[in-house]
Each structure stands twice: as structure tokens, then as C-alpha cells.
Amino acid sequence: DKGKPSKGKSKAKKSSRSSRARLGKEDAGPAAASSSFFYVAAAVGLLAVIGAAAAVLLRLPGHGIDASQATQAYAVAPVKLASSECDELIEASQAEHILHEEKSQTSLGAQEERVSETWWLCSHTTDMPCEKSRYAGLASMLREAVESTNENHWKIAGLDKTGVDLKVLRYGATEGGHFHWHTDAGPNTDPEAAKKPRTRLLTVTLQLSDSQDYEGGDLQVGAVNVTRDQGTVLAYVSAMPHRVHTVTRGTRYALIMHFWYPKPFSARQLAKYRDEEAEPRVRALSEVGKGSASDVANWHLLYGEYLLGVGKAEPALEPYQRAIDAGETGLLAKAYHRRGLALGFLDRMPESAAHFTRSQELEPDDPVMLVNSVTALISTMQLSEAANNTERVMEIDPRPELLSNLADSWRRASDALKTMDGQQNMVFLADQMALRCDAKIREMSDAAQ
């Protein structure tokens, strides 16, 4: 029997085969994507993400979730990859014959919301679904582990067990890689979304980098910086606010996977999801306030964004005011701007204009803030200031969509002024500003051709 392997050797060999299969080194489906594999991920602002969040029937307590449940940051799944497996995934993510690279530098006002690079390993919305890719074994292993974690922690029902996606994110110190506060609980927004109207319910992060290879770059979920241990699989509810701190040395890689709900959503399901799953988490972070001063200010702002996104402008005023009162320099302009929007929706235009003016003083070159300020200033008959802001937009960011918005505002102003006595000069100004916007749009169109 000397020629027979021992049980220990046999087990090690089996483990090696399993490792190779889940990393795509053995035939687990068709070959990896060719250079014809394309994927476009649409950047979605936080307001649209939360406001359009779809719903599921959740098995939650009758009165929703309490503060301790709402602020539970994350859970560690019962599986861990070896360092060698993580290193191999990092190397594979940069092989052009496997992946499509997408660089993301999404602007949020004057602040870069996200600076990172993304490589898609497989996706349910492309010609390379995970279950037919070389990463089928890895996707299956992660799916089973996270399903178990969900049952032990959140008990979210109806997760799609087939339509998952895998992507690798790179955050480099050279570019100041980071991802500002956001949630993932939004609709499927890629080009094929109409064919599969779904929404993210659970987010999974696999820590690929050795924690010694980078500084900064911590993933923060709620008030907690999660473990940096290489190979650890973390899961958290997609509605939970989270961010990636700026990487100050080296490079951080992470593999991301989302669980979806696979069906269209009724109004009742949407309301249930918002009331029982999304809002309590954002509200609890804002009200409990167990983070740093900067974090709490961000959570106030996020809660206001959530409320405004679901049409609750009046309740949104309070968290926006809390964000203003926190006095965090990097947030003040946005907090004033968003509160100005809420006041505008409530038809409190003088207050709205005052908030927009303050946001403009803090961020004088933010074009979106300038455009919104024009609307508010026109409504309060501050036409000279509105004209100055219009000129400023044409100078710094003459995008057709912004100028078209401005032209419409000036035309509405002209129509309203024509019904008033003694406003000929103001009518002339409004007409001229609308014409100037139209002319600038034509100029930009001609230049593009």
C-alpha cells in the first residue's frame, strides 16, 4: 500500500482542486469574456439611488427594526479565501482578455464622490453571466455563504439565487482613491436593466489586498470600519450607508458582489421596503449619532437626501438643518443647497433663494447650485442676481442640459412678467437671457460638430 496517498494528502489535493475551480483555473463554464465584452455602469446620484429604491416583502418585526438592528454595520460570512487565492484574483482582474476596465471619477458638486477603477469579472446583464463563466465556482461559494449569513442576521426574503455579478475595485493612493458616503440600494441601472428590473438588497465585499499593502482605504459601514483581514467576506444590507476612506499609500483591491430581488415591484412592496428597511437605517445613524462629527454630519445629509428622494420635503428640512448646524466645511454648501431644494418644493421661495445664495457663496463655481439659484431668484424677482448667475454658468459649464433649463426658466419668467403692469424692462431682460442661452447651446453644438 505504499503507493497509495495518505488521507491527509488526498484531502489536500481535493482542496487544491476546489480552490482552482472556484478561481476559474479549471473548466467551470465557457471561456472568459473576449475583447468584445462590454459593460457600461451608469453613475447614479444618491438622491436617485434612494428615491428609486425598489422593494421586497421582508420578514421583519411587526413594528419595523429598532435602533440596534438599524445600526448593525455588517456580518462576516462563514468562508474565507486564502491569501494566494486573493492574489490570483487581483492578477486576473487586470488581464485584458478577461475583463473590461471602467474608470470612475464621479463628481458630486465640488467634491469627487468616487475615484476608483472597476473590472467586471462576470455579470447577469451581459453575455458573460457568472453561472456560465470561469468564476462560477467562486460565485456559487460566495452565494451559499451569504445566504447563510442573511438567514442568521437579516432574513431578507426573495433574494435572486442566480443573477449575481462579480467585479473588482481598485483604489490607488496615486489617484487619491476613495468612495464618498452612499448606499447601494438602488435600481439596476445598466443598459440591459429594462430586461431585468431588479434592485440590490445585499452587498458583499471580499477583501483581496493584504492589509500591509496599503494605508487608509478602510471600508466604513455605518459607524464601523470593517476588518481589513485579507480573504474575509463581509456582507451588509445595501441600504446601509457606507464609504471607502481615501487610500494614502499603496493600493487596495476588493471584490464586490450584489444580491438582487428579481421581480418588478408593486407600490406596496416599495413602501414596505422604504419604511421598514431603508429609512430606519439612515434615520438611526442620523439620530443615534455614534460616529465622528464628520460622519454624523454626513448621516444627517444622507437622511435628508432619503426623505427628499421619496417626496417628504417637509421632514427633510430637519436633518438638512442638522447638517448645516454641524458646521462641517466640506458639507455646508451641499447642505444649504439641498435644504434650498426642499424649501422650493414646499413653495417657500424666498427661503429657498436665501439658501441657494449661501451655497453659492460657499461654492461659487458649482454649476448645478448656480442653475437652481437662478430659478429661486427669478421667483423672488431678483432678476439681476439671476442674470449674473446665468452668465456664470455659461462661462464655467455651458452644457446644453443646464442651459436649456436656464432658458426655460427665463421664458417662464417673461410670460409671468407680461401679465404685470410696468415690467417692460424686466420682460426685455428675461427674453434676452433666454435668447443668450439658446445661442450658447447652438454655439456648443456647432463646436462639437
Protein backbone atom coordinates (compact mmCIF):
# COMPACT_ATOMS: atom_id res chain seq x y z
CA ASP A 1 0.00 0.00 0.00
CA LYS A 2 2.99 2.34 -0.12
CA GLY A 3 1.84 3.68 -3.46
CA LYS A 4 -1.48 4.93 -2.07
CA PRO A 5 -1.64 8.53 -0.89
CA SER A 6 -2.41 9.13 2.75
CA LYS A 7 -5.78 10.60 3.72
CA GLY A 8 -4.09 13.88 4.51
CA LYS A 9 -2.53 14.13 1.07
CA SER A 10 -5.77 13.19 -0.60
CA LYS A 11 -7.61 15.90 1.29
CA ALA A 12 -5.01 18.50 0.37
CA LYS A 13 -5.23 17.55 -3.28
CA LYS A 14 -9.01 17.83 -3.23
CA SER A 15 -8.78 21.23 -1.56
CA SER A 16 -6.35 22.40 -4.23
CA ARG A 17 -8.73 21.32 -7.00
CA SER A 18 -11.59 23.13 -5.26
CA SER A 19 -9.52 26.28 -4.96
CA ARG A 20 -8.53 26.17 -8.62
CA ALA A 21 -12.11 25.61 -9.74
CA ARG A 22 -13.60 28.50 -7.81
CA LEU A 23 -10.92 30.85 -9.12
CA GLY A 24 -11.58 29.77 -12.68
CA LYS A 25 -8.49 27.67 -13.28
CA GLU A 26 -10.49 24.60 -14.28
CA ASP A 27 -13.34 24.37 -16.73
CA ALA A 28 -16.30 25.85 -14.89
CA GLY A 29 -18.07 27.04 -18.00
CA PRO A 30 -17.25 28.79 -21.27
CA ALA A 31 -14.03 30.71 -21.69
CA ALA A 32 -13.72 34.15 -20.20
CA ALA A 33 -15.01 37.21 -21.96
CA SER A 34 -13.20 38.34 -25.08
CA SER A 35 -12.34 41.88 -26.03
CA SER A 36 -15.88 42.23 -27.39
CA PHE A 37 -17.27 42.07 -23.86
CA PHE A 38 -18.56 45.49 -22.90
CA TYR A 39 -20.30 46.72 -19.81
CA VAL A 40 -21.37 50.26 -19.03
CA ALA A 41 -22.32 51.11 -15.46
CA ALA A 42 -24.35 54.30 -15.18
CA ALA A 43 -23.31 56.65 -12.36
CA VAL A 44 -26.32 57.40 -10.23
CA GLY A 45 -26.52 60.21 -7.65
CA LEU A 46 -27.51 59.32 -4.12
CA LEU A 47 -30.89 61.04 -4.44
CA ALA A 48 -31.89 58.97 -7.46
CA VAL A 49 -30.49 55.81 -5.90
CA ILE A 50 -32.50 56.02 -2.68
CA GLY A 51 -35.56 57.70 -4.18
CA ALA A 52 -35.99 54.94 -6.76
CA ALA A 53 -35.10 52.05 -4.42
CA ALA A 54 -37.33 49.08 -5.17
CA ALA A 55 -38.90 46.87 -2.54
CA VAL A 56 -39.31 43.35 -1.31
CA LEU A 57 -41.58 41.67 1.22
CA LEU A 58 -39.22 41.50 4.18
CA ARG A 59 -39.57 39.24 7.18
CA LEU A 60 -39.12 41.97 9.77
CA PRO A 61 -40.67 42.54 13.21
CA GLY A 62 -44.17 43.95 13.12
CA HIS A 63 -43.08 47.45 14.11
CA GLY A 64 -40.05 47.64 11.85
CA ILE A 65 -36.46 47.38 13.07
CA ASP A 66 -35.16 49.00 16.23
CA ALA A 67 -32.10 51.24 16.52
CA SER A 68 -29.70 48.41 17.37
CA GLN A 69 -30.77 46.46 14.29
CA ALA A 70 -30.73 49.56 12.13
CA THR A 71 -27.17 50.46 13.09
CA GLN A 72 -25.78 46.91 12.84
CA ALA A 73 -22.97 47.51 10.42
CA TYR A 74 -22.04 44.22 8.80
CA ALA A 75 -21.60 40.49 9.27
CA VAL A 76 -18.68 38.20 8.43
CA ALA A 77 -19.70 35.31 6.18
CA PRO A 78 -18.59 31.77 7.15
CA VAL A 79 -15.99 31.45 4.39
CA LYS A 80 -12.52 32.86 3.82
CA LEU A 81 -10.19 32.80 0.83
CA ALA A 82 -6.50 32.06 1.15
CA SER A 83 -4.03 34.86 0.51
CA SER A 84 -2.83 33.10 -2.64
CA GLU A 85 -6.39 32.97 -3.99
CA CYS A 86 -6.84 36.69 -3.35
CA ASP A 87 -3.56 37.48 -5.09
CA GLU A 88 -4.60 35.40 -8.10
CA LEU A 89 -7.91 37.27 -8.36
CA ILE A 90 -6.07 40.60 -8.31
CA GLU A 91 -3.80 39.42 -11.12
CA ALA A 92 -6.73 38.04 -13.11
CA SER A 93 -8.67 41.28 -12.77
CA GLN A 94 -6.05 43.10 -14.82
CA ALA A 95 -5.85 40.60 -17.68
CA GLU A 96 -7.36 42.34 -20.71
CA HIS A 97 -8.62 39.13 -22.28
CA ILE A 98 -10.82 38.51 -19.24
CA LEU A 99 -12.17 41.85 -18.15
CA HIS A 100 -13.50 45.17 -19.23
CA GLU A 101 -11.96 48.10 -17.37
CA GLU A 102 -14.05 51.06 -16.37
CA LYS A 103 -12.56 54.11 -14.68
CA SER A 104 -14.88 56.01 -12.39
CA GLN A 105 -14.40 59.58 -11.27
CA THR A 106 -17.91 60.67 -10.40
CA SER A 107 -18.30 64.33 -9.45
CA LEU A 108 -20.62 65.30 -6.62
CA GLY A 109 -20.79 69.08 -6.63
CA ALA A 110 -17.28 70.37 -5.98
CA GLN A 111 -16.30 67.04 -4.44
CA GLU A 112 -15.21 63.85 -6.19
CA GLU A 113 -17.73 61.31 -4.94
CA ARG A 114 -15.75 58.34 -6.22
CA VAL A 115 -12.25 57.80 -7.59
CA SER A 116 -11.62 54.16 -8.47
CA GLU A 117 -11.19 51.62 -11.24
CA THR A 118 -13.58 48.73 -11.86
CA TRP A 119 -13.09 45.41 -13.63
CA TRP A 120 -16.14 43.21 -14.22
CA LEU A 121 -15.44 39.50 -13.92
CA CYS A 122 -18.99 38.48 -14.84
CA SER A 123 -22.46 39.99 -14.78
CA HIS A 124 -26.07 38.86 -15.12
CA THR A 125 -26.78 41.64 -17.64
CA THR A 126 -24.12 40.78 -20.22
CA ASP A 127 -23.11 37.88 -22.45
CA MET A 128 -20.92 36.66 -19.58
CA PRO A 129 -23.28 35.61 -16.73
CA CYS A 130 -21.42 34.33 -13.68
CA GLU A 131 -23.02 30.88 -13.75
CA LYS A 132 -21.54 30.32 -17.23
CA SER A 133 -18.17 31.95 -16.60
CA ARG A 134 -14.87 30.67 -15.28
CA TYR A 135 -15.87 32.23 -11.95
CA ALA A 136 -18.97 30.09 -11.48
CA GLY A 137 -17.35 28.21 -8.58
CA LEU A 138 -16.39 31.40 -6.76
CA ALA A 139 -19.84 32.93 -7.28
CA SER A 140 -21.54 29.77 -6.01
CA MET A 141 -19.34 29.61 -2.90
CA LEU A 142 -19.97 33.27 -2.04
CA ARG A 143 -23.69 32.94 -2.72
CA GLU A 144 -24.10 29.98 -0.36
CA ALA A 145 -22.07 31.65 2.40
CA VAL A 146 -24.00 34.91 2.20
CA GLU A 147 -27.39 33.17 2.07
CA SER A 148 -26.47 31.54 5.38
CA THR A 149 -25.36 34.89 6.79
CA ASN A 150 -28.62 36.51 5.68
CA GLU A 151 -30.67 33.87 7.49
CA ASN A 152 -28.68 34.43 10.69
CA HIS A 153 -28.85 38.24 10.62
CA TRP A 154 -31.39 39.99 8.36
CA LYS A 155 -33.71 37.29 6.98
CA ILE A 156 -34.39 39.19 3.77
CA ALA A 157 -36.69 37.05 1.66
CA GLY A 158 -36.73 36.58 -2.10
CA LEU A 159 -33.06 37.02 -3.00
CA ASP A 160 -32.27 36.05 -6.58
CA LYS A 161 -30.01 32.99 -6.34
CA THR A 162 -28.81 33.05 -9.93
CA GLY A 163 -28.44 36.62 -11.19
CA VAL A 164 -25.32 37.76 -9.37
CA ASP A 165 -22.36 39.79 -10.58
CA LEU A 166 -18.69 39.99 -9.61
CA LYS A 167 -16.41 42.97 -10.02
CA VAL A 168 -13.01 44.00 -8.68
CA LEU A 169 -12.48 47.57 -7.48
CA ARG A 170 -9.09 49.23 -7.29
CA TYR A 171 -8.42 52.25 -5.05
CA GLY A 172 -4.91 53.68 -5.55
CA ALA A 173 -3.05 56.22 -3.43
CA THR A 174 -1.67 57.99 -6.52
CA GLU A 175 -5.18 58.98 -7.62
CA GLY A 176 -6.46 59.53 -4.08
CA GLY A 177 -8.81 56.57 -4.48
CA HIS A 178 -11.95 56.71 -2.33
CA PHE A 179 -15.75 56.41 -2.42
CA HIS A 180 -17.77 59.00 -0.53
CA TRP A 181 -20.83 58.18 1.60
CA HIS A 182 -23.52 56.38 -0.43
CA THR A 183 -25.87 53.40 -0.43
CA ASP A 184 -26.21 50.57 -2.95
CA ALA A 185 -29.97 50.14 -2.51
CA GLY A 186 -30.96 51.35 -5.91
CA PRO A 187 -32.37 50.03 -9.15
CA ASN A 188 -30.43 48.12 -11.75
CA THR A 189 -29.21 50.95 -14.00
CA ASP A 190 -27.05 49.24 -16.60
CA PRO A 191 -28.05 49.24 -20.31
CA GLU A 192 -29.89 45.93 -20.06
CA ALA A 193 -31.86 46.98 -16.96
CA ALA A 194 -35.18 47.11 -18.80
CA LYS A 195 -34.94 43.37 -19.43
CA LYS A 196 -34.41 42.56 -15.74
CA PRO A 197 -35.93 45.24 -13.48
CA ARG A 198 -34.33 44.42 -10.14
CA THR A 199 -32.71 46.12 -7.17
CA ARG A 200 -29.77 45.43 -4.87
CA LEU A 201 -30.65 44.11 -1.43
CA LEU A 202 -27.38 42.76 -0.02
CA THR A 203 -23.84 43.89 -0.77
CA VAL A 204 -20.85 41.57 -0.36
CA THR A 205 -17.21 42.71 -0.11
CA LEU A 206 -14.27 40.31 -0.31
CA GLN A 207 -11.07 41.90 1.00
CA LEU A 208 -8.47 41.00 -1.66
CA SER A 209 -5.47 43.07 -0.57
CA ASP A 210 -3.07 42.28 2.24
CA SER A 211 -3.73 44.91 4.89
CA GLN A 212 0.00 45.71 4.96
CA ASP A 213 -0.03 46.68 1.28
CA TYR A 214 -1.96 49.92 1.79
CA GLU A 215 -2.75 52.65 4.30
CA GLY A 216 -6.11 54.36 4.59
CA GLY A 217 -8.73 52.83 2.32
CA ASP A 218 -10.84 51.42 5.15
CA LEU A 219 -14.35 50.33 4.25
CA GLN A 220 -16.67 52.01 6.74
CA VAL A 221 -20.21 50.65 7.07
CA GLY A 222 -22.33 52.87 9.27
CA ALA A 223 -20.17 53.88 12.21
CA VAL A 224 -17.76 50.94 11.91
CA ASN A 225 -14.54 50.45 9.97
CA VAL A 226 -14.75 46.80 8.95
CA THR A 227 -11.94 44.27 9.26
CA ARG A 228 -9.08 44.60 6.77
CA ASP A 229 -8.13 40.91 7.06
CA GLN A 230 -7.28 39.55 3.60
CA GLY A 231 -9.71 36.93 2.30
CA THR A 232 -12.55 37.93 4.64
CA VAL A 233 -16.05 38.01 3.13
CA LEU A 234 -18.26 40.77 4.53
CA ALA A 235 -21.99 41.24 3.96
CA TYR A 236 -24.25 44.21 4.71
CA VAL A 237 -27.70 45.43 3.74
CA SER A 238 -27.39 47.53 0.58
CA ALA A 239 -29.49 50.30 2.16
CA MET A 240 -26.81 50.79 4.84
CA PRO A 241 -24.75 53.96 4.24
CA HIS A 242 -21.07 53.15 3.68
CA ARG A 243 -17.90 54.63 2.23
CA VAL A 244 -14.25 53.87 1.41
CA HIS A 245 -11.72 56.17 3.06
CA THR A 246 -9.02 57.73 0.91
CA VAL A 247 -6.04 55.44 0.26
CA THR A 248 -2.87 57.26 1.33
CA ARG A 249 -0.28 54.58 0.48
CA GLY A 250 -0.30 51.60 -1.84
CA THR A 251 -3.39 50.09 -3.45
CA ARG A 252 -6.50 48.43 -2.07
CA TYR A 253 -8.37 45.81 -4.11
CA ALA A 254 -11.78 44.42 -3.22
CA LEU A 255 -14.18 42.06 -4.95
CA ILE A 256 -17.82 43.17 -4.86
CA MET A 257 -20.93 41.04 -5.29
CA HIS A 258 -24.59 42.05 -5.03
CA PHE A 259 -27.71 40.08 -4.27
CA TRP A 260 -30.82 41.23 -6.07
CA TYR A 261 -34.56 40.84 -5.87
CA PRO A 262 -35.51 39.52 -9.32
CA LYS A 263 -39.02 40.84 -9.97
CA PRO A 264 -40.78 44.13 -10.70
CA PHE A 265 -42.07 45.85 -7.58
CA SER A 266 -45.53 46.91 -6.54
CA ALA A 267 -46.21 50.22 -4.80
CA ARG A 268 -46.94 48.29 -1.60
CA GLN A 269 -43.61 46.47 -1.73
CA LEU A 270 -41.78 49.71 -2.44
CA ALA A 271 -43.41 51.45 0.52
CA LYS A 272 -42.66 48.48 2.78
CA TYR A 273 -39.02 48.43 1.77
CA ARG A 274 -38.64 52.16 2.34
CA ASP A 275 -40.47 52.20 5.66
CA GLU A 276 -39.06 49.03 7.22
CA GLU A 277 -35.62 48.54 5.70
CA ALA A 278 -34.13 51.70 4.20
CA GLU A 279 -35.40 54.64 6.26
CA PRO A 280 -34.73 53.16 9.75
CA ARG A 281 -31.07 52.59 8.92
CA VAL A 282 -30.42 56.07 7.60
CA ARG A 283 -32.55 57.70 10.31
CA ALA A 284 -30.91 55.76 13.14
CA LEU A 285 -27.42 56.75 12.06
CA SER A 286 -28.50 60.38 11.94
CA GLU A 287 -30.33 60.35 15.28
CA VAL A 288 -28.15 57.98 17.32
CA GLY A 289 -25.01 59.75 16.11
CA LYS A 290 -22.32 57.40 17.43
CA GLY A 291 -19.70 58.30 14.85
CA SER A 292 -17.25 61.15 14.36
CA ALA A 293 -18.56 64.69 13.95
CA SER A 294 -17.91 64.50 10.21
CA ASP A 295 -19.67 61.14 9.91
CA VAL A 296 -22.73 62.33 11.83
CA ALA A 297 -22.96 65.42 9.63
CA ASN A 298 -22.86 63.17 6.57
CA TRP A 299 -25.57 60.95 8.03
CA HIS A 300 -27.81 63.98 8.63
CA LEU A 301 -27.32 64.87 4.99
CA LEU A 302 -27.99 61.31 3.84
CA TYR A 303 -31.21 61.16 5.83
CA GLY A 304 -32.35 64.42 4.27
CA GLU A 305 -31.49 63.02 0.84
CA TYR A 306 -33.53 59.91 1.55
CA LEU A 307 -36.59 61.88 2.69
CA LEU A 308 -36.41 64.30 -0.22
CA GLY A 309 -35.94 61.40 -2.62
CA VAL A 310 -39.20 59.79 -1.52
CA GLY A 311 -41.11 63.06 -1.69
CA LYS A 312 -41.01 64.01 2.02
CA ALA A 313 -39.75 67.57 1.63
CA GLU A 314 -41.10 68.90 4.94
CA PRO A 315 -39.49 66.21 7.16
CA ALA A 316 -36.26 66.58 5.15
CA LEU A 317 -35.79 70.13 6.42
CA GLU A 318 -34.78 68.99 9.92
CA PRO A 319 -31.88 66.65 9.02
CA TYR A 320 -30.66 69.15 6.44
CA GLN A 321 -30.64 71.82 9.15
CA ARG A 322 -28.73 69.45 11.44
CA ALA A 323 -26.14 69.02 8.69
CA ILE A 324 -25.85 72.80 8.42
CA ASP A 325 -25.58 73.21 12.20
CA ALA A 326 -22.79 70.62 12.32
CA GLY A 327 -20.61 73.18 10.55
CA GLU A 328 -18.54 70.66 8.57
CA THR A 329 -16.84 72.84 5.95
CA GLY A 330 -16.89 70.26 3.18
CA LEU A 331 -20.64 69.69 3.58
CA LEU A 332 -22.04 73.16 4.20
CA ALA A 333 -22.54 74.16 0.57
CA LYS A 334 -24.33 70.94 -0.27
CA ALA A 335 -26.45 71.06 2.90
CA TYR A 336 -27.60 74.61 2.13
CA HIS A 337 -28.27 73.66 -1.48
CA ARG A 338 -30.30 70.56 -0.66
CA ARG A 339 -32.32 72.37 2.01
CA GLY A 340 -32.96 75.09 -0.55
CA LEU A 341 -34.36 72.45 -2.89
CA ALA A 342 -36.66 71.11 -0.18
CA LEU A 343 -37.90 74.63 0.56
CA GLY A 344 -38.51 75.16 -3.15
CA PHE A 345 -40.62 72.00 -3.33
CA LEU A 346 -42.66 73.46 -0.46
CA ASP A 347 -43.07 76.72 -2.42
CA ARG A 348 -41.16 78.69 0.22
CA MET A 349 -39.21 80.52 -2.46
CA PRO A 350 -37.68 83.45 -0.50
CA GLU A 351 -36.14 80.99 1.98
CA SER A 352 -35.10 78.74 -0.89
CA ALA A 353 -33.36 81.63 -2.65
CA ALA A 354 -31.53 82.57 0.55
CA HIS A 355 -30.24 79.01 0.94
CA PHE A 356 -29.11 78.87 -2.68
CA THR A 357 -27.33 82.20 -2.28
CA ARG A 358 -25.49 80.87 0.76
CA SER A 359 -24.49 77.67 -1.05
CA GLN A 360 -23.23 79.76 -3.95
CA GLU A 361 -21.11 81.88 -1.61
CA LEU A 362 -19.50 78.70 -0.29
CA GLU A 363 -19.07 77.03 -3.71
CA PRO A 364 -19.20 79.85 -6.28
CA ASP A 365 -18.28 77.63 -9.23
CA ASP A 366 -20.72 74.76 -8.76
CA PRO A 367 -22.91 74.90 -11.90
CA VAL A 368 -25.83 72.88 -10.51
CA MET A 369 -26.10 75.14 -7.48
CA LEU A 370 -25.98 78.16 -9.79
CA VAL A 371 -28.75 76.81 -12.03
CA ASN A 372 -31.05 76.11 -9.09
CA SER A 373 -30.31 79.52 -7.64
CA VAL A 374 -31.46 81.16 -10.89
CA THR A 375 -34.90 79.54 -10.59
CA ALA A 376 -35.29 80.65 -6.98
CA LEU A 377 -34.01 84.18 -7.66
CA ILE A 378 -36.38 84.61 -10.61
CA SER A 379 -39.32 83.52 -8.47
CA THR A 380 -38.46 86.23 -5.93
CA MET A 381 -37.93 88.86 -8.66
CA GLN A 382 -34.19 89.15 -8.03
CA LEU A 383 -33.56 89.19 -11.76
CA SER A 384 -30.21 90.98 -11.78
CA GLU A 385 -28.68 88.35 -9.49
CA ALA A 386 -30.33 85.61 -11.58
CA ALA A 387 -28.83 87.09 -14.75
CA ASN A 388 -25.36 87.20 -13.17
CA ASN A 389 -25.61 83.54 -12.18
CA THR A 390 -26.79 82.62 -15.68
CA GLU A 391 -23.75 84.35 -17.18
CA ARG A 392 -21.54 82.47 -14.75
CA VAL A 393 -22.95 79.10 -15.82
CA MET A 394 -22.37 79.96 -19.49
CA GLU A 395 -18.78 80.77 -18.61
CA ILE A 396 -17.80 77.79 -16.46
CA ASP A 397 -20.03 74.89 -17.61
CA PRO A 398 -22.11 75.56 -20.75
CA ARG A 399 -23.62 72.09 -21.02
CA PRO A 400 -26.75 72.08 -23.19
CA GLU A 401 -28.88 70.43 -20.48
CA LEU A 402 -28.00 73.17 -17.99
CA LEU A 403 -28.51 75.98 -20.48
CA SER A 404 -31.82 74.52 -21.66
CA ASN A 405 -33.03 74.51 -18.06
CA LEU A 406 -31.99 78.15 -17.68
CA ALA A 407 -33.64 79.18 -20.96
CA ASP A 408 -36.92 77.59 -19.85
CA SER A 409 -36.76 79.42 -16.52
CA TRP A 410 -36.24 82.76 -18.24
CA ARG A 411 -39.08 82.12 -20.71
CA ARG A 412 -41.45 81.31 -17.86
CA ALA A 413 -40.33 84.50 -16.14
CA SER A 414 -41.04 86.51 -19.28
CA ASP A 415 -44.53 85.04 -19.60
CA ALA A 416 -45.31 85.86 -15.98
CA LEU A 417 -43.92 89.39 -16.21
CA LYS A 418 -46.02 90.16 -19.29
CA THR A 419 -49.13 89.83 -17.14
CA MET A 420 -47.91 92.63 -14.84
CA ASP A 421 -48.02 96.37 -15.41
CA GLY A 422 -44.83 98.38 -15.80
CA GLN A 423 -42.47 95.42 -16.22
CA GLN A 424 -41.32 96.06 -19.79
CA ASN A 425 -37.66 96.32 -18.82
CA MET A 426 -37.80 93.08 -16.87
CA VAL A 427 -39.57 91.33 -19.77
CA PHE A 428 -36.80 92.51 -22.08
CA LEU A 429 -34.14 91.18 -19.69
CA ALA A 430 -35.86 87.80 -19.39
CA ASP A 431 -36.25 87.47 -23.16
CA GLN A 432 -32.63 88.43 -23.74
CA MET A 433 -31.34 85.89 -21.22
CA ALA A 434 -33.42 83.12 -22.81
CA LEU A 435 -32.06 84.05 -26.24
CA ARG A 436 -28.49 84.12 -24.93
CA CYS A 437 -28.89 80.61 -23.51
CA ASP A 438 -30.32 79.36 -26.81
CA ALA A 439 -27.46 80.96 -28.74
CA LYS A 440 -24.89 79.38 -26.44
CA ILE A 441 -26.48 75.96 -26.94
CA ARG A 442 -26.20 76.37 -30.74
CA GLU A 443 -22.62 77.55 -30.38
CA MET A 444 -21.68 74.48 -28.33
CA SER A 445 -23.47 72.19 -30.79
CA ASP A 446 -21.63 73.70 -33.76
CA ALA A 447 -18.30 73.39 -31.95
CA ALA A 448 -18.97 69.72 -31.20
CA GLN A 449 -19.51 69.02 -34.90
